[in-house]
Amino acid sequence: GHDSGAEDTTVEAPPPYAFLTIGM
């Protein structure tokens, strides 16, 4: 229902992606 990537739980799961942002 939102795009925060976090649900309201006490257990924090690691994200499904990890990206380094590079530009210019």
mmCIF file of all heavy atoms, coordinates in Angstrom:
data_MODEL
# 
_entry.id   MODEL 
# 
loop_
_atom_site.group_PDB 
_atom_site.id 
_atom_site.type_symbol 
_atom_site.label_atom_id 
_atom_site.label_alt_id 
_atom_site.label_comp_id 
_atom_site.label_asym_id 
_atom_site.label_entity_id 
_atom_site.label_seq_id 
_atom_site.pdbx_PDB_ins_code 
_atom_site.Cartn_x 
_atom_site.Cartn_y 
_atom_site.Cartn_z 
_atom_site.occupancy 
_atom_site.B_iso_or_equiv 
_atom_site.pdbx_formal_charge 
_atom_site.auth_seq_id 
_atom_site.auth_comp_id 
_atom_site.auth_asym_id 
_atom_site.auth_atom_id 
_atom_site.pdbx_PDB_model_num 
ATOM 1   N N   . GLY A 1 1  ? 0.794  -1.211 0.000   1.00 0.00 ? 1  GLY A N   1 
ATOM 2   C CA  . GLY A 1 1  ? 0.000  0.000  0.000   1.00 0.00 ? 1  GLY A CA  1 
ATOM 3   C C   . GLY A 1 1  ? 0.833  1.271  0.000   1.00 0.00 ? 1  GLY A C   1 
ATOM 4   O O   . GLY A 1 1  ? 0.318  2.363  -0.063  1.00 0.00 ? 1  GLY A O   1 
ATOM 5   N N   . HIS A 1 2  ? 2.120  1.148  0.080   1.00 0.00 ? 2  HIS A N   1 
ATOM 6   C CA  . HIS A 1 2  ? 3.038  2.293  0.005   1.00 0.00 ? 2  HIS A CA  1 
ATOM 7   C C   . HIS A 1 2  ? 4.361  1.793  -0.526  1.00 0.00 ? 2  HIS A C   1 
ATOM 8   O O   . HIS A 1 2  ? 4.552  0.612  -0.727  1.00 0.00 ? 2  HIS A O   1 
ATOM 9   C CB  . HIS A 1 2  ? 3.203  2.965  1.377   1.00 0.00 ? 2  HIS A CB  1 
ATOM 10  C CG  . HIS A 1 2  ? 3.687  2.032  2.444   1.00 0.00 ? 2  HIS A CG  1 
ATOM 11  N ND1 . HIS A 1 2  ? 5.009  1.713  2.602   1.00 0.00 ? 2  HIS A ND1 1 
ATOM 12  C CD2 . HIS A 1 2  ? 3.010  1.334  3.384   1.00 0.00 ? 2  HIS A CD2 1 
ATOM 13  C CE1 . HIS A 1 2  ? 5.142  0.869  3.609   1.00 0.00 ? 2  HIS A CE1 1 
ATOM 14  N NE2 . HIS A 1 2  ? 3.943  0.621  4.102   1.00 0.00 ? 2  HIS A NE2 1 
ATOM 15  N N   . ASP A 1 3  ? 5.278  2.725  -0.795  1.00 0.00 ? 3  ASP A N   1 
ATOM 16  C CA  . ASP A 1 3  ? 6.551  2.295  -1.367  1.00 0.00 ? 3  ASP A CA  1 
ATOM 17  C C   . ASP A 1 3  ? 7.724  2.578  -0.446  1.00 0.00 ? 3  ASP A C   1 
ATOM 18  O O   . ASP A 1 3  ? 8.824  2.821  -0.887  1.00 0.00 ? 3  ASP A O   1 
ATOM 19  C CB  . ASP A 1 3  ? 6.775  2.875  -2.765  1.00 0.00 ? 3  ASP A CB  1 
ATOM 20  C CG  . ASP A 1 3  ? 7.137  4.339  -2.770  1.00 0.00 ? 3  ASP A CG  1 
ATOM 21  O OD1 . ASP A 1 3  ? 7.034  4.978  -1.707  1.00 0.00 ? 3  ASP A OD1 1 
ATOM 22  O OD2 . ASP A 1 3  ? 7.529  4.828  -3.830  1.00 0.00 ? 3  ASP A OD2 1 
ATOM 23  N N   . SER A 1 4  ? 7.506  2.533  0.869   1.00 0.00 ? 4  SER A N   1 
ATOM 24  C CA  . SER A 1 4  ? 8.596  2.805  1.804   1.00 0.00 ? 4  SER A CA  1 
ATOM 25  C C   . SER A 1 4  ? 9.547  1.636  1.921   1.00 0.00 ? 4  SER A C   1 
ATOM 26  O O   . SER A 1 4  ? 10.666 1.793  2.375   1.00 0.00 ? 4  SER A O   1 
ATOM 27  C CB  . SER A 1 4  ? 8.042  3.134  3.183   1.00 0.00 ? 4  SER A CB  1 
ATOM 28  O OG  . SER A 1 4  ? 7.496  1.979  3.768   1.00 0.00 ? 4  SER A OG  1 
ATOM 29  N N   . GLY A 1 5  ? 9.094  0.435  1.573   1.00 0.00 ? 5  GLY A N   1 
ATOM 30  C CA  . GLY A 1 5  ? 9.953  -0.737 1.676   1.00 0.00 ? 5  GLY A CA  1 
ATOM 31  C C   . GLY A 1 5  ? 9.986  -1.321 3.070   1.00 0.00 ? 5  GLY A C   1 
ATOM 32  O O   . GLY A 1 5  ? 10.594 -2.344 3.302   1.00 0.00 ? 5  GLY A O   1 
ATOM 33  N N   . ALA A 1 6  ? 9.330  -0.707 4.026   1.00 0.00 ? 6  ALA A N   1 
ATOM 34  C CA  . ALA A 1 6  ? 9.362  -1.203 5.397   1.00 0.00 ? 6  ALA A CA  1 
ATOM 35  C C   . ALA A 1 6  ? 7.940  -1.407 5.904   1.00 0.00 ? 6  ALA A C   1 
ATOM 36  O O   . ALA A 1 6  ? 7.081  -0.570 5.706   1.00 0.00 ? 6  ALA A O   1 
ATOM 37  C CB  . ALA A 1 6  ? 10.086 -0.206 6.308   1.00 0.00 ? 6  ALA A CB  1 
ATOM 38  N N   . GLU A 1 7  ? 7.697  -2.513 6.491   1.00 0.00 ? 7  GLU A N   1 
ATOM 39  C CA  . GLU A 1 7  ? 6.414  -2.787 7.128   1.00 0.00 ? 7  GLU A CA  1 
ATOM 40  C C   . GLU A 1 7  ? 6.554  -2.497 8.610   1.00 0.00 ? 7  GLU A C   1 
ATOM 41  O O   . GLU A 1 7  ? 7.650  -2.461 9.153   1.00 0.00 ? 7  GLU A O   1 
ATOM 42  C CB  . GLU A 1 7  ? 6.022  -4.262 6.906   1.00 0.00 ? 7  GLU A CB  1 
ATOM 43  C CG  . GLU A 1 7  ? 5.866  -4.624 5.439   1.00 0.00 ? 7  GLU A CG  1 
ATOM 44  C CD  . GLU A 1 7  ? 4.769  -3.849 4.732   1.00 0.00 ? 7  GLU A CD  1 
ATOM 45  O OE1 . GLU A 1 7  ? 3.775  -3.465 5.371   1.00 0.00 ? 7  GLU A OE1 1 
ATOM 46  O OE2 . GLU A 1 7  ? 4.904  -3.626 3.533   1.00 0.00 ? 7  GLU A OE2 1 
ATOM 47  N N   . ASP A 1 8  ? 5.463  -2.283 9.274   1.00 0.00 ? 8  ASP A N   1 
ATOM 48  C CA  . ASP A 1 8  ? 5.478  -1.977 10.705  1.00 0.00 ? 8  ASP A CA  1 
ATOM 49  C C   . ASP A 1 8  ? 5.611  -3.261 11.512  1.00 0.00 ? 8  ASP A C   1 
ATOM 50  O O   . ASP A 1 8  ? 4.636  -3.781 12.043  1.00 0.00 ? 8  ASP A O   1 
ATOM 51  C CB  . ASP A 1 8  ? 4.205  -1.226 11.104  1.00 0.00 ? 8  ASP A CB  1 
ATOM 52  C CG  . ASP A 1 8  ? 4.123  0.117  10.418  1.00 0.00 ? 8  ASP A CG  1 
ATOM 53  O OD1 . ASP A 1 8  ? 5.197  0.708  10.189  1.00 0.00 ? 8  ASP A OD1 1 
ATOM 54  O OD2 . ASP A 1 8  ? 3.009  0.560  10.119  1.00 0.00 ? 8  ASP A OD2 1 
ATOM 55  N N   . THR A 1 9  ? 6.819  -3.774 11.596  1.00 0.00 ? 9  THR A N   1 
ATOM 56  C CA  . THR A 1 9  ? 7.090  -4.964 12.381  1.00 0.00 ? 9  THR A CA  1 
ATOM 57  C C   . THR A 1 9  ? 8.334  -4.727 13.211  1.00 0.00 ? 9  THR A C   1 
ATOM 58  O O   . THR A 1 9  ? 9.097  -3.802 12.962  1.00 0.00 ? 9  THR A O   1 
ATOM 59  C CB  . THR A 1 9  ? 7.320  -6.203 11.483  1.00 0.00 ? 9  THR A CB  1 
ATOM 60  O OG1 . THR A 1 9  ? 8.464  -5.969 10.681  1.00 0.00 ? 9  THR A OG1 1 
ATOM 61  C CG2 . THR A 1 9  ? 6.114  -6.488 10.595  1.00 0.00 ? 9  THR A CG2 1 
ATOM 62  N N   . THR A 1 10 ? 8.545  -5.586 14.195  1.00 0.00 ? 10 THR A N   1 
ATOM 63  C CA  . THR A 1 10 ? 9.724  -5.431 15.034  1.00 0.00 ? 10 THR A CA  1 
ATOM 64  C C   . THR A 1 10 ? 10.941 -6.114 14.428  1.00 0.00 ? 10 THR A C   1 
ATOM 65  O O   . THR A 1 10 ? 12.054 -5.801 14.785  1.00 0.00 ? 10 THR A O   1 
ATOM 66  C CB  . THR A 1 10 ? 9.461  -6.006 16.440  1.00 0.00 ? 10 THR A CB  1 
ATOM 67  O OG1 . THR A 1 10 ? 9.060  -7.370 16.288  1.00 0.00 ? 10 THR A OG1 1 
ATOM 68  C CG2 . THR A 1 10 ? 8.383  -5.214 17.147  1.00 0.00 ? 10 THR A CG2 1 
ATOM 69  N N   . VAL A 1 11 ? 10.733 -7.059 13.504  1.00 0.00 ? 11 VAL A N   1 
ATOM 70  C CA  . VAL A 1 11 ? 11.839 -7.746 12.854  1.00 0.00 ? 11 VAL A CA  1 
ATOM 71  C C   . VAL A 1 11 ? 12.148 -7.019 11.555  1.00 0.00 ? 11 VAL A C   1 
ATOM 72  O O   . VAL A 1 11 ? 11.285 -6.861 10.708  1.00 0.00 ? 11 VAL A O   1 
ATOM 73  C CB  . VAL A 1 11 ? 11.482 -9.225 12.565  1.00 0.00 ? 11 VAL A CB  1 
ATOM 74  C CG1 . VAL A 1 11 ? 12.602 -9.897 11.813  1.00 0.00 ? 11 VAL A CG1 1 
ATOM 75  C CG2 . VAL A 1 11 ? 11.162 -9.946 13.854  1.00 0.00 ? 11 VAL A CG2 1 
ATOM 76  N N   . GLU A 1 12 ? 13.380 -6.560 11.428  1.00 0.00 ? 12 GLU A N   1 
ATOM 77  C CA  . GLU A 1 12 ? 13.766 -5.828 10.230  1.00 0.00 ? 12 GLU A CA  1 
ATOM 78  C C   . GLU A 1 12 ? 14.487 -6.759 9.265   1.00 0.00 ? 12 GLU A C   1 
ATOM 79  O O   . GLU A 1 12 ? 15.556 -7.275 9.565   1.00 0.00 ? 12 GLU A O   1 
ATOM 80  C CB  . GLU A 1 12 ? 14.672 -4.660 10.610  1.00 0.00 ? 12 GLU A CB  1 
ATOM 81  C CG  . GLU A 1 12 ? 14.914 -3.724 9.456   1.00 0.00 ? 12 GLU A CG  1 
ATOM 82  C CD  . GLU A 1 12 ? 15.665 -2.481 9.885   1.00 0.00 ? 12 GLU A CD  1 
ATOM 83  O OE1 . GLU A 1 12 ? 15.304 -1.887 10.909  1.00 0.00 ? 12 GLU A OE1 1 
ATOM 84  O OE2 . GLU A 1 12 ? 16.616 -2.128 9.184   1.00 0.00 ? 12 GLU A OE2 1 
ATOM 85  N N   . ALA A 1 13 ? 13.865 -6.997 8.129   1.00 0.00 ? 13 ALA A N   1 
ATOM 86  C CA  . ALA A 1 13 ? 14.452 -7.865 7.111   1.00 0.00 ? 13 ALA A CA  1 
ATOM 87  C C   . ALA A 1 13 ? 15.365 -7.039 6.215   1.00 0.00 ? 13 ALA A C   1 
ATOM 88  O O   . ALA A 1 13 ? 15.105 -5.862 5.962   1.00 0.00 ? 13 ALA A O   1 
ATOM 89  C CB  . ALA A 1 13 ? 13.352 -8.512 6.285   1.00 0.00 ? 13 ALA A CB  1 
ATOM 90  N N   . PRO A 1 14 ? 16.446 -7.641 5.729   1.00 0.00 ? 14 PRO A N   1 
ATOM 91  C CA  . PRO A 1 14 ? 17.319 -6.895 4.807   1.00 0.00 ? 14 PRO A CA  1 
ATOM 92  C C   . PRO A 1 14 ? 16.591 -6.647 3.488   1.00 0.00 ? 14 PRO A C   1 
ATOM 93  O O   . PRO A 1 14 ? 15.705 -7.417 3.104   1.00 0.00 ? 14 PRO A O   1 
ATOM 94  C CB  . PRO A 1 14 ? 18.524 -7.822 4.625   1.00 0.00 ? 14 PRO A CB  1 
ATOM 95  C CG  . PRO A 1 14 ? 18.059 -9.176 5.025   1.00 0.00 ? 14 PRO A CG  1 
ATOM 96  C CD  . PRO A 1 14 ? 16.928 -8.982 5.984   1.00 0.00 ? 14 PRO A CD  1 
ATOM 97  N N   . PRO A 1 15 ? 16.948 -5.578 2.795   1.00 0.00 ? 15 PRO A N   1 
ATOM 98  C CA  . PRO A 1 15 ? 16.283 -5.256 1.531   1.00 0.00 ? 15 PRO A CA  1 
ATOM 99  C C   . PRO A 1 15 ? 16.638 -6.272 0.442   1.00 0.00 ? 15 PRO A C   1 
ATOM 100 O O   . PRO A 1 15 ? 17.699 -6.903 0.499   1.00 0.00 ? 15 PRO A O   1 
ATOM 101 C CB  . PRO A 1 15 ? 16.829 -3.867 1.185   1.00 0.00 ? 15 PRO A CB  1 
ATOM 102 C CG  . PRO A 1 15 ? 18.147 -3.803 1.879   1.00 0.00 ? 15 PRO A CG  1 
ATOM 103 C CD  . PRO A 1 15 ? 17.998 -4.620 3.127   1.00 0.00 ? 15 PRO A CD  1 
ATOM 104 N N   . PRO A 1 16 ? 15.771 -6.438 -0.557  1.00 0.00 ? 16 PRO A N   1 
ATOM 105 C CA  . PRO A 1 16 ? 16.045 -7.390 -1.638  1.00 0.00 ? 16 PRO A CA  1 
ATOM 106 C C   . PRO A 1 16 ? 17.079 -6.879 -2.643  1.00 0.00 ? 16 PRO A C   1 
ATOM 107 O O   . PRO A 1 16 ? 17.540 -7.638 -3.487  1.00 0.00 ? 16 PRO A O   1 
ATOM 108 C CB  . PRO A 1 16 ? 14.683 -7.588 -2.307  1.00 0.00 ? 16 PRO A CB  1 
ATOM 109 C CG  . PRO A 1 16 ? 13.924 -6.347 -1.995  1.00 0.00 ? 16 PRO A CG  1 
ATOM 110 C CD  . PRO A 1 16 ? 14.435 -5.862 -0.664  1.00 0.00 ? 16 PRO A CD  1 
ATOM 111 N N   . TYR A 1 17 ? 17.438 -5.593 -2.586  1.00 0.00 ? 17 TYR A N   1 
ATOM 112 C CA  . TYR A 1 17 ? 18.421 -5.007 -3.496  1.00 0.00 ? 17 TYR A CA  1 
ATOM 113 C C   . TYR A 1 17 ? 19.446 -4.209 -2.700  1.00 0.00 ? 17 TYR A C   1 
ATOM 114 O O   . TYR A 1 17 ? 19.142 -3.698 -1.639  1.00 0.00 ? 17 TYR A O   1 
ATOM 115 C CB  . TYR A 1 17 ? 17.804 -4.003 -4.471  1.00 0.00 ? 17 TYR A CB  1 
ATOM 116 C CG  . TYR A 1 17 ? 16.444 -4.313 -4.970  1.00 0.00 ? 17 TYR A CG  1 
ATOM 117 C CD1 . TYR A 1 17 ? 15.343 -3.658 -4.449  1.00 0.00 ? 17 TYR A CD1 1 
ATOM 118 C CD2 . TYR A 1 17 ? 16.249 -5.242 -5.967  1.00 0.00 ? 17 TYR A CD2 1 
ATOM 119 C CE1 . TYR A 1 17 ? 14.076 -3.919 -4.922  1.00 0.00 ? 17 TYR A CE1 1 
ATOM 120 C CE2 . TYR A 1 17 ? 14.988 -5.511 -6.444  1.00 0.00 ? 17 TYR A CE2 1 
ATOM 121 C CZ  . TYR A 1 17 ? 13.899 -4.847 -5.923  1.00 0.00 ? 17 TYR A CZ  1 
ATOM 122 O OH  . TYR A 1 17 ? 12.648 -5.108 -6.386  1.00 0.00 ? 17 TYR A OH  1 
ATOM 123 N N   . ALA A 1 18 ? 20.621 -4.049 -3.275  1.00 0.00 ? 18 ALA A N   1 
ATOM 124 C CA  . ALA A 1 18 ? 21.630 -3.134 -2.733  1.00 0.00 ? 18 ALA A CA  1 
ATOM 125 C C   . ALA A 1 18 ? 22.350 -2.521 -3.929  1.00 0.00 ? 18 ALA A C   1 
ATOM 126 O O   . ALA A 1 18 ? 23.023 -3.225 -4.678  1.00 0.00 ? 18 ALA A O   1 
ATOM 127 C CB  . ALA A 1 18 ? 22.613 -3.874 -1.837  1.00 0.00 ? 18 ALA A CB  1 
ATOM 128 N N   . PHE A 1 19 ? 22.172 -1.224 -4.124  1.00 0.00 ? 19 PHE A N   1 
ATOM 129 C CA  . PHE A 1 19 ? 22.771 -0.526 -5.251  1.00 0.00 ? 19 PHE A CA  1 
ATOM 130 C C   . PHE A 1 19 ? 23.594 0.661  -4.775  1.00 0.00 ? 19 PHE A C   1 
ATOM 131 O O   . PHE A 1 19 ? 23.191 1.390  -3.877  1.00 0.00 ? 19 PHE A O   1 
ATOM 132 C CB  . PHE A 1 19 ? 21.689 0.006  -6.201  1.00 0.00 ? 19 PHE A CB  1 
ATOM 133 C CG  . PHE A 1 19 ? 21.032 -1.045 -7.033  1.00 0.00 ? 19 PHE A CG  1 
ATOM 134 C CD1 . PHE A 1 19 ? 19.812 -1.576 -6.659  1.00 0.00 ? 19 PHE A CD1 1 
ATOM 135 C CD2 . PHE A 1 19 ? 21.638 -1.500 -8.185  1.00 0.00 ? 19 PHE A CD2 1 
ATOM 136 C CE1 . PHE A 1 19 ? 19.189 -2.540 -7.437  1.00 0.00 ? 19 PHE A CE1 1 
ATOM 137 C CE2 . PHE A 1 19 ? 21.031 -2.455 -8.967  1.00 0.00 ? 19 PHE A CE2 1 
ATOM 138 C CZ  . PHE A 1 19 ? 19.808 -2.983 -8.593  1.00 0.00 ? 19 PHE A CZ  1 
ATOM 139 N N   . LEU A 1 20 ? 24.734 0.868  -5.435  1.00 0.00 ? 20 LEU A N   1 
ATOM 140 C CA  . LEU A 1 20 ? 25.560 2.051  -5.254  1.00 0.00 ? 20 LEU A CA  1 
ATOM 141 C C   . LEU A 1 20 ? 25.188 2.994  -6.398  1.00 0.00 ? 20 LEU A C   1 
ATOM 142 O O   . LEU A 1 20 ? 25.179 2.592  -7.559  1.00 0.00 ? 20 LEU A O   1 
ATOM 143 C CB  . LEU A 1 20 ? 27.038 1.659  -5.336  1.00 0.00 ? 20 LEU A CB  1 
ATOM 144 C CG  . LEU A 1 20 ? 28.069 2.684  -4.926  1.00 0.00 ? 20 LEU A CG  1 
ATOM 145 C CD1 . LEU A 1 20 ? 27.925 3.038  -3.448  1.00 0.00 ? 20 LEU A CD1 1 
ATOM 146 C CD2 . LEU A 1 20 ? 29.467 2.143  -5.187  1.00 0.00 ? 20 LEU A CD2 1 
ATOM 147 N N   . THR A 1 21 ? 24.856 4.240  -6.082  1.00 0.00 ? 21 THR A N   1 
ATOM 148 C CA  . THR A 1 21 ? 24.424 5.215  -7.083  1.00 0.00 ? 21 THR A CA  1 
ATOM 149 C C   . THR A 1 21 ? 25.609 6.037  -7.555  1.00 0.00 ? 21 THR A C   1 
ATOM 150 O O   . THR A 1 21 ? 26.329 6.624  -6.752  1.00 0.00 ? 21 THR A O   1 
ATOM 151 C CB  . THR A 1 21 ? 23.336 6.140  -6.500  1.00 0.00 ? 21 THR A CB  1 
ATOM 152 O OG1 . THR A 1 21 ? 22.249 5.337  -6.039  1.00 0.00 ? 21 THR A OG1 1 
ATOM 153 C CG2 . THR A 1 21 ? 22.832 7.119  -7.539  1.00 0.00 ? 21 THR A CG2 1 
ATOM 154 N N   . ILE A 1 22 ? 25.801 6.072  -8.876  1.00 0.00 ? 22 ILE A N   1 
ATOM 155 C CA  . ILE A 1 22 ? 26.942 6.750  -9.492  1.00 0.00 ? 22 ILE A CA  1 
ATOM 156 C C   . ILE A 1 22 ? 26.415 7.697  -10.569 1.00 0.00 ? 22 ILE A C   1 
ATOM 157 O O   . ILE A 1 22 ? 25.532 7.316  -11.345 1.00 0.00 ? 22 ILE A O   1 
ATOM 158 C CB  . ILE A 1 22 ? 27.898 5.728  -10.138 1.00 0.00 ? 22 ILE A CB  1 
ATOM 159 C CG1 . ILE A 1 22 ? 28.372 4.726  -9.087  1.00 0.00 ? 22 ILE A CG1 1 
ATOM 160 C CG2 . ILE A 1 22 ? 29.061 6.421  -10.824 1.00 0.00 ? 22 ILE A CG2 1 
ATOM 161 C CD1 . ILE A 1 22 ? 28.945 3.459  -9.672  1.00 0.00 ? 22 ILE A CD1 1 
ATOM 162 N N   . GLY A 1 23 ? 26.960 8.895  -10.621 1.00 0.00 ? 23 GLY A N   1 
ATOM 163 C CA  . GLY A 1 23 ? 26.554 9.818  -11.673 1.00 0.00 ? 23 GLY A CA  1 
ATOM 164 C C   . GLY A 1 23 ? 27.551 10.936 -11.847 1.00 0.00 ? 23 GLY A C   1 
ATOM 165 O O   . GLY A 1 23 ? 28.060 11.485 -10.878 1.00 0.00 ? 23 GLY A O   1 
ATOM 166 N N   . MET A 1 24 ? 27.840 11.240 -13.083 1.00 0.00 ? 24 MET A N   1 
ATOM 167 C CA  . MET A 1 24 ? 28.687 12.367 -13.458 1.00 0.00 ? 24 MET A CA  1 
ATOM 168 C C   . MET A 1 24 ? 29.999 12.407 -12.692 1.00 0.00 ? 24 MET A C   1 
ATOM 169 O O   . MET A 1 24 ? 30.424 13.433 -12.185 1.00 0.00 ? 24 MET A O   1 
ATOM 170 C CB  . MET A 1 24 ? 27.916 13.668 -13.313 1.00 0.00 ? 24 MET A CB  1 
ATOM 171 C CG  . MET A 1 24 ? 26.703 13.699 -14.233 1.00 0.00 ? 24 MET A CG  1 
ATOM 172 S SD  . MET A 1 24 ? 25.519 14.958 -13.807 1.00 0.00 ? 24 MET A SD  1 
ATOM 173 C CE  . MET A 1 24 ? 24.929 14.352 -12.248 1.00 0.00 ? 24 MET A CE  1 
# 
